[in-house]
C-alpha atoms as a PDB file:
ATOM      1  CA  UNK A   1       0.141   0.006  -0.110  1.00  0.00           C
ATOM      2  CA  UNK A   2       1.371   2.946  -1.042  1.00  0.00           C
ATOM      3  CA  UNK A   3       2.195   6.183   1.290  1.00  0.00           C
ATOM      4  CA  UNK A   4      -0.814   8.938   1.391  1.00  0.00           C
ATOM      5  CA  UNK A   5       0.324  12.487   0.494  1.00  0.00           C
ATOM      6  CA  UNK A   6      -2.180  14.604   2.034  1.00  0.00           C
ATOM      7  CA  UNK A   7      -3.661  17.791   0.391  1.00  0.00           C
ATOM      8  CA  UNK A   8      -5.375  20.460   1.809  1.00  0.00           C
ATOM      9  CA  UNK A   9      -7.818  22.439  -0.634  1.00  0.00           C
ATOM     10  CA  UNK A  10      -8.787  25.858  -0.130  1.00  0.00           C
ATOM     11  CA  UNK A  11     -11.761  26.549  -2.218  1.00  0.00           C
ATOM     12  CA  UNK A  12     -14.198  24.414  -4.056  1.00  0.00           C
ATOM     13  CA  UNK A  13     -15.761  27.166  -6.725  1.00  0.00           C
ATOM     14  CA  UNK A  14     -15.066  25.658 -10.317  1.00  0.00           C
ATOM     15  CA  UNK A  15     -11.550  25.017  -9.800  1.00  0.00           C
ATOM     16  CA  UNK A  16     -11.172  23.661  -6.376  1.00  0.00           C
ATOM     17  CA  UNK A  17     -14.076  21.347  -7.372  1.00  0.00           C
ATOM     18  CA  UNK A  18     -12.939  20.268 -10.897  1.00  0.00           C
ATOM     19  CA  UNK A  19      -9.453  19.748  -8.998  1.00  0.00           C
ATOM     20  CA  UNK A  20     -10.678  17.618  -6.276  1.00  0.00           C
ATOM     21  CA  UNK A  21     -12.556  15.301  -8.960  1.00  0.00           C
ATOM     22  CA  UNK A  22      -9.801  15.048 -11.176  1.00  0.00           C
ATOM     23  CA  UNK A  23      -6.973  14.498  -8.197  1.00  0.00           C
ATOM     24  CA  UNK A  24      -9.151  11.560  -7.412  1.00  0.00           C
ATOM     25  CA  UNK A  25      -9.898  10.118 -10.726  1.00  0.00           C
ATOM     26  CA  UNK A  26      -5.676  10.231 -11.503  1.00  0.00           C
ATOM     27  CA  UNK A  27      -4.342   9.897  -7.889  1.00  0.00           C
ATOM     28  CA  UNK A  28      -3.218   6.021  -8.851  1.00  0.00           C
ATOM     29  CA  UNK A  29      -1.095   7.694 -11.659  1.00  0.00           C
ATOM     30  CA  UNK A  30       1.226   9.426  -9.259  1.00  0.00           C
ATOM     31  CA  UNK A  31       2.227   6.147  -7.409  1.00  0.00           C
ATOM     32  CA  UNK A  32       4.634   4.439  -9.686  1.00  0.00           C
ATOM     33  CA  UNK A  33       6.567   8.172  -9.899  1.00  0.00           C
ATOM     34  CA  UNK A  34       6.169   9.315  -6.346  1.00  0.00           C
ATOM     35  CA  UNK A  35       5.262   6.155  -4.484  1.00  0.00           C
ATOM     36  CA  UNK A  36       2.720   7.958  -2.701  1.00  0.00           C
ATOM     37  CA  UNK A  37      -0.972   8.048  -3.647  1.00  0.00           C
ATOM     38  CA  UNK A  38      -2.519  12.033  -2.974  1.00  0.00           C
ATOM     39  CA  UNK A  39      -5.674  12.711  -1.457  1.00  0.00           C
ATOM     40  CA  UNK A  40      -7.593  15.782  -0.188  1.00  0.00           C
ATOM     41  CA  UNK A  41      -7.750  15.734   3.513  1.00  0.00           C
ATOM     42  CA  UNK A  42      -9.856  18.723   4.027  1.00  0.00           C
ATOM     43  CA  UNK A  43     -11.376  21.561   2.229  1.00  0.00           C
ATOM     44  CA  UNK A  44     -12.384  25.083   3.204  1.00  0.00           C
ATOM     45  CA  UNK A  45     -15.175  26.903   1.999  1.00  0.00           C
ATOM     46  CA  UNK A  46     -16.296  29.897   3.317  1.00  0.00           C
ATOM     47  CA  UNK A  47     -19.227  27.597   5.106  1.00  0.00           C
ATOM     48  CA  UNK A  48     -17.523  24.709   6.634  1.00  0.00           C
ATOM     49  CA  UNK A  49     -14.024  23.613   7.036  1.00  0.00           C
ATOM     50  CA  UNK A  50     -11.250  24.206   9.572  1.00  0.00           C
ATOM     51  CA  UNK A  51      -8.225  26.211   8.481  1.00  0.00           C
ATOM     52  CA  UNK A  52      -6.034  25.210  11.154  1.00  0.00           C
ATOM     53  CA  UNK A  53      -7.684  21.648  10.802  1.00  0.00           C
ATOM     54  CA  UNK A  54      -6.805  21.311   7.396  1.00  0.00           C
ATOM     55  CA  UNK A  55      -2.828  23.082   7.722  1.00  0.00           C
ATOM     56  CA  UNK A  56      -2.366  20.155  10.573  1.00  0.00           C
ATOM     57  CA  UNK A  57      -3.515  17.229   8.387  1.00  0.00           C
ATOM     58  CA  UNK A  58      -1.975  18.545   5.221  1.00  0.00           C
ATOM     59  CA  UNK A  59       1.221  18.243   3.517  1.00  0.00           C
ATOM     60  CA  UNK A  60       0.557  20.446   0.815  1.00  0.00           C
ATOM     61  CA  UNK A  61      -2.054  23.293   0.896  1.00  0.00           C
ATOM     62  CA  UNK A  62      -3.672  24.098  -2.967  1.00  0.00           C
ATOM     63  CA  UNK A  63      -4.906  27.913  -2.431  1.00  0.00           C
ATOM     64  CA  UNK A  64      -7.699  28.259  -5.026  1.00  0.00           C
ATOM     65  CA  UNK A  65     -10.072  30.571  -3.471  1.00  0.00           C
ATOM     66  CA  UNK A  66      -8.927  33.579  -5.675  1.00  0.00           C
ATOM     67  CA  UNK A  67      -8.942  37.445  -4.745  1.00  0.00           C
ATOM     68  CA  UNK A  68      -6.515  38.685  -2.011  1.00  0.00           C
ATOM     69  CA  UNK A  69      -8.157  38.152   0.825  1.00  0.00           C
ATOM     70  CA  UNK A  70      -8.571  35.582   2.934  1.00  0.00           C
ATOM     71  CA  UNK A  71      -6.161  33.423   0.393  1.00  0.00           C
ATOM     72  CA  UNK A  72      -3.405  36.020   1.076  1.00  0.00           C
ATOM     73  CA  UNK A  73      -3.753  35.220   5.122  1.00  0.00           C
ATOM     74  CA  UNK A  74      -4.231  31.630   4.389  1.00  0.00           C
ATOM     75  CA  UNK A  75      -0.872  31.123   2.105  1.00  0.00           C
ATOM     76  CA  UNK A  76       1.214  33.238   4.584  1.00  0.00           C
ATOM     77  CA  UNK A  77      -0.033  31.113   7.445  1.00  0.00           C
ATOM     78  CA  UNK A  78       0.652  27.472   5.403  1.00  0.00           C
ATOM     79  CA  UNK A  79       4.072  29.092   4.634  1.00  0.00           C
ATOM     80  CA  UNK A  80       5.330  29.907   8.271  1.00  0.00           C
ATOM     81  CA  UNK A  81       3.874  26.739   9.230  1.00  0.00           C
ATOM     82  CA  UNK A  82       6.690  24.969   6.724  1.00  0.00           C
ATOM     83  CA  UNK A  83       3.991  23.929   4.115  1.00  0.00           C
ATOM     84  CA  UNK A  84       4.441  23.711   0.318  1.00  0.00           C
ATOM     85  CA  UNK A  85       1.570  25.793  -1.324  1.00  0.00           C
ATOM     86  CA  UNK A  86       0.632  25.707  -4.610  1.00  0.00           C
ATOM     87  CA  UNK A  87      -1.925  28.630  -6.124  1.00  0.00           C
ATOM     88  CA  UNK A  88      -3.670  29.540  -9.260  1.00  0.00           C
ATOM     89  CA  UNK A  89      -4.591  32.538  -8.004  1.00  0.00           C
ATOM     90  CA  UNK A  90      -2.748  34.863 -10.300  1.00  0.00           C
ATOM     91  CA  UNK A  91      -4.149  38.362  -8.640  1.00  0.00           C
ATOM     92  CA  UNK A  92      -2.609  37.033  -5.236  1.00  0.00           C
ATOM     93  CA  UNK A  93       0.990  36.562  -7.198  1.00  0.00           C
ATOM     94  CA  UNK A  94       0.577  39.639  -8.807  1.00  0.00           C
ATOM     95  CA  UNK A  95      -0.147  42.074  -6.107  1.00  0.00           C
ATOM     96  CA  UNK A  96       1.564  40.183  -3.359  1.00  0.00           C
ATOM     97  CA  UNK A  97       4.064  37.753  -4.682  1.00  0.00           C
ATOM     98  CA  UNK A  98       7.837  38.911  -4.396  1.00  0.00           C
END
């Protein structure tokens, strides 16, 4: 049984829900390459989920909220906690990225 790689998902709109579905559909393809099977360990939306719980239970954070806040704060907190972050948020990177 391959090791599980836990992904915390921030945002579950059009992009976030498609990401979750594709990850579940294609997770087995990662195993021969990485030896790990990715899975979504938690999802944060406006109405559900706890960022602190998702952060603690994830190896990687994927930010797909969009806009600047609260995405910026979540990304900074994840980076400070030593978690890698992946984002598709062009506005956040353009206005706040180094």
